[in-house]
Amino acid sequence: MIITAIVSSIIAWFIGLLIDANIGFEPVGFLELRILFPMLTMGGFILSKMKIKK
């Protein structure tokens, strides 16, 4: 499960990076999706692991 979480977070980072690079906002990188998507992904894995333990 740890490897899946790491790989999913890296994929989410690349997706966020591509979206940030292709959407024109000022200042550049204002959306910060390359940070938000991996955090949401890892948070989902943590919450699912906590739910399984209970």
C-alpha atoms as a PDB file:
ATOM      1  CA  MET A   1       0.000   0.000   0.000  1.00  0.00           C
ATOM      2  CA  ILE A   2       2.902   2.387   0.698  1.00  0.00           C
ATOM      3  CA  ILE A   3       4.330   1.978  -2.810  1.00  0.00           C
ATOM      4  CA  THR A   4       0.876   2.606  -4.289  1.00  0.00           C
ATOM      5  CA  ALA A   5       0.528   5.809  -2.234  1.00  0.00           C
ATOM      6  CA  ILE A   6       3.965   7.055  -3.309  1.00  0.00           C
ATOM      7  CA  VAL A   7       3.398   6.299  -6.993  1.00  0.00           C
ATOM      8  CA  SER A   8      -0.076   7.855  -6.895  1.00  0.00           C
ATOM      9  CA  SER A   9       1.314  11.001  -5.262  1.00  0.00           C
ATOM     10  CA  ILE A  10       4.014  11.318  -7.919  1.00  0.00           C
ATOM     11  CA  ILE A  11       1.423  10.891 -10.680  1.00  0.00           C
ATOM     12  CA  ALA A  12      -0.800  13.500  -9.000  1.00  0.00           C
ATOM     13  CA  TRP A  13       2.192  15.873  -8.830  1.00  0.00           C
ATOM     14  CA  PHE A  14       2.829  15.479 -12.578  1.00  0.00           C
ATOM     15  CA  ILE A  15      -0.847  16.058 -13.372  1.00  0.00           C
ATOM     16  CA  GLY A  16      -0.867  19.190 -11.203  1.00  0.00           C
ATOM     17  CA  LEU A  17       2.351  20.385 -12.835  1.00  0.00           C
ATOM     18  CA  LEU A  18       0.898  19.953 -16.326  1.00  0.00           C
ATOM     19  CA  ILE A  19      -2.296  21.768 -15.407  1.00  0.00           C
ATOM     20  CA  ASP A  20      -0.379  24.609 -13.698  1.00  0.00           C
ATOM     21  CA  ALA A  21       1.878  24.994 -16.733  1.00  0.00           C
ATOM     22  CA  ASN A  22      -0.977  25.070 -19.252  1.00  0.00           C
ATOM     23  CA  ILE A  23      -3.473  27.354 -17.506  1.00  0.00           C
ATOM     24  CA  GLY A  24      -2.563  30.997 -17.723  1.00  0.00           C
ATOM     25  CA  PHE A  25      -3.002  32.662 -14.352  1.00  0.00           C
ATOM     26  CA  GLU A  26      -1.133  35.648 -12.989  1.00  0.00           C
ATOM     27  CA  PRO A  27       1.126  35.258 -11.101  1.00  0.00           C
ATOM     28  CA  VAL A  28       2.453  32.126 -12.743  1.00  0.00           C
ATOM     29  CA  GLY A  29       1.719  28.989 -10.717  1.00  0.00           C
ATOM     30  CA  PHE A  30      -0.980  30.723  -8.696  1.00  0.00           C
ATOM     31  CA  LEU A  31      -3.184  27.632  -8.611  1.00  0.00           C
ATOM     32  CA  GLU A  32      -0.449  25.491  -6.960  1.00  0.00           C
ATOM     33  CA  LEU A  33      -2.185  22.317  -8.114  1.00  0.00           C
ATOM     34  CA  ARG A  34       1.185  20.532  -8.171  1.00  0.00           C
ATOM     35  CA  ILE A  35       1.104  20.843  -4.378  1.00  0.00           C
ATOM     36  CA  LEU A  36      -2.620  20.370  -3.783  1.00  0.00           C
ATOM     37  CA  PHE A  37      -3.161  17.165  -5.779  1.00  0.00           C
ATOM     38  CA  PRO A  38      -0.420  15.083  -4.067  1.00  0.00           C
ATOM     39  CA  MET A  39      -1.596  16.284  -0.655  1.00  0.00           C
ATOM     40  CA  LEU A  40      -5.163  15.237  -1.410  1.00  0.00           C
ATOM     41  CA  THR A  41      -3.963  11.899  -2.761  1.00  0.00           C
ATOM     42  CA  MET A  42      -1.809  11.115   0.276  1.00  0.00           C
ATOM     43  CA  GLY A  43      -4.568  12.303   2.607  1.00  0.00           C
ATOM     44  CA  GLY A  44      -6.993   9.909   0.943  1.00  0.00           C
ATOM     45  CA  PHE A  45      -4.605   7.015   1.445  1.00  0.00           C
ATOM     46  CA  ILE A  46      -4.062   7.942   5.100  1.00  0.00           C
ATOM     47  CA  LEU A  47      -7.801   8.224   5.762  1.00  0.00           C
ATOM     48  CA  SER A  48      -8.503   4.913   4.057  1.00  0.00           C
ATOM     49  CA  LYS A  49      -5.773   3.222   6.131  1.00  0.00           C
ATOM     50  CA  MET A  50      -7.257   4.676   9.334  1.00  0.00           C
ATOM     51  CA  LYS A  51     -10.723   3.465   8.336  1.00  0.00           C
ATOM     52  CA  ILE A  52      -9.419  -0.061   7.729  1.00  0.00           C
ATOM     53  CA  LYS A  53      -7.795  -0.201  11.210  1.00  0.00           C
ATOM     54  CA  LYS A  54     -11.040   0.698  13.000  1.00  0.00           C
END
